[in-house]
Amino acid sequence: LETPVPQSFEVYIVQIGAFSTLERAKEFAEQSRETLTKDIKVEFNEMKNLYVVWIHPPFQDKISAENYRTELGKNEEFKDAWIVTIASKK
């Protein structure tokens, strides 16, 4: 009998900032919440050694993420937003 393999799929996170201190990241997240009326998460990224700020929830497909990032880019504050692809387990 074959063991079922857990389905893994990709989700797309639109990251809007990265900061060296939690304080700055939280401040930016707070302002962004008001500007964008979206849920914003702050997470410590060990590989980059930075606090990253991203839009929650992640996007299920790349096109939606790219469209959203394009919209964000019209706002000077978010012109450096970028997309991170992560493997997620359903």
Protein backbone atom coordinates (compact mmCIF):
# COMPACT_ATOMS: atom_id res chain seq x y z
CA LEU A 1 0.00 0.00 0.00
CA GLU A 2 1.26 3.44 -0.90
CA THR A 3 1.55 6.07 1.80
CA PRO A 4 -0.29 9.21 0.76
CA VAL A 5 2.13 12.09 0.24
CA PRO A 6 1.02 15.33 1.90
CA GLN A 7 -0.02 17.76 -0.83
CA SER A 8 2.29 20.68 -0.96
CA PHE A 9 1.51 23.71 -3.08
CA GLU A 10 2.86 27.18 -3.53
CA VAL A 11 1.46 30.41 -2.19
CA TYR A 12 2.65 33.90 -3.00
CA ILE A 13 3.40 36.48 -0.36
CA VAL A 14 3.55 40.15 -1.23
CA GLN A 15 6.27 41.52 0.99
CA ILE A 16 6.18 45.27 1.54
CA GLY A 17 9.14 45.85 3.82
CA ALA A 18 12.11 44.46 5.70
CA PHE A 19 13.62 46.04 8.81
CA SER A 20 16.47 45.37 11.17
CA THR A 21 14.38 46.18 14.25
CA LEU A 22 11.02 44.85 15.34
CA GLU A 23 9.98 48.34 16.38
CA ARG A 24 10.42 49.79 12.86
CA ALA A 25 8.72 46.77 11.31
CA LYS A 26 5.72 47.08 13.63
CA GLU A 27 5.48 50.81 13.02
CA PHE A 28 5.52 50.29 9.24
CA ALA A 29 2.98 47.44 9.53
CA GLU A 30 0.68 49.68 11.56
CA GLN A 31 0.84 52.53 9.03
CA SER A 32 0.39 50.09 6.15
CA ARG A 33 -2.71 48.59 7.77
CA GLU A 34 -4.30 52.02 7.81
CA THR A 35 -3.21 52.90 4.28
CA LEU A 36 -4.14 49.57 2.68
CA THR A 37 -6.94 48.37 4.97
CA LYS A 38 -5.41 44.90 4.80
CA ASP A 39 -4.15 42.51 7.43
CA ILE A 40 -0.37 42.87 7.69
CA LYS A 41 2.00 40.39 9.33
CA VAL A 42 5.47 40.93 10.77
CA GLU A 43 7.80 37.94 10.89
CA PHE A 44 11.45 37.45 11.70
CA ASN A 45 13.35 35.97 8.78
CA GLU A 46 16.39 34.14 10.16
CA MET A 47 18.11 33.74 6.81
CA LYS A 48 17.99 37.46 6.13
CA ASN A 49 18.23 38.43 9.79
CA LEU A 50 15.45 40.96 9.21
CA TYR A 51 11.87 41.54 10.28
CA VAL A 52 9.77 41.21 7.16
CA VAL A 53 6.39 42.85 6.70
CA TRP A 54 3.87 41.19 4.39
CA ILE A 55 0.26 41.24 3.28
CA HIS A 56 -1.92 38.54 4.84
CA PRO A 57 -3.33 36.21 3.70
CA PRO A 58 -0.91 34.98 1.03
CA PHE A 59 -2.18 34.88 -2.55
CA GLN A 60 -3.10 31.49 -3.97
CA ASP A 61 -1.83 32.25 -7.46
CA LYS A 62 0.99 34.29 -8.88
CA ILE A 63 -1.16 36.44 -11.16
CA SER A 64 -3.24 37.77 -8.23
CA ALA A 65 -0.05 38.51 -6.30
CA GLU A 66 1.49 40.31 -9.28
CA ASN A 67 -1.66 42.34 -9.91
CA TYR A 68 -1.76 43.37 -6.29
CA ARG A 69 1.92 44.29 -6.30
CA THR A 70 1.38 46.40 -9.43
CA GLU A 71 -1.44 48.27 -7.66
CA LEU A 72 0.76 48.77 -4.60
CA GLY A 73 3.59 50.09 -6.76
CA LYS A 74 1.50 53.12 -7.69
CA ASN A 75 1.95 54.24 -4.09
CA GLU A 76 5.46 55.63 -3.54
CA GLU A 77 5.57 54.03 -0.10
CA PHE A 78 5.15 50.52 -1.51
CA LYS A 79 6.99 50.77 -4.82
CA ASP A 80 9.61 48.27 -3.62
CA ALA A 81 7.08 45.56 -2.78
CA TRP A 82 8.13 42.15 -4.04
CA ILE A 83 6.70 38.66 -4.27
CA VAL A 84 8.02 35.69 -2.31
CA THR A 85 6.94 32.19 -3.30
CA ILE A 86 6.65 29.73 -0.45
CA ALA A 87 5.70 26.08 -0.33
CA SER A 88 2.70 25.60 1.87
CA LYS A 89 1.16 22.39 3.14
CA LYS A 90 -2.59 22.18 2.83
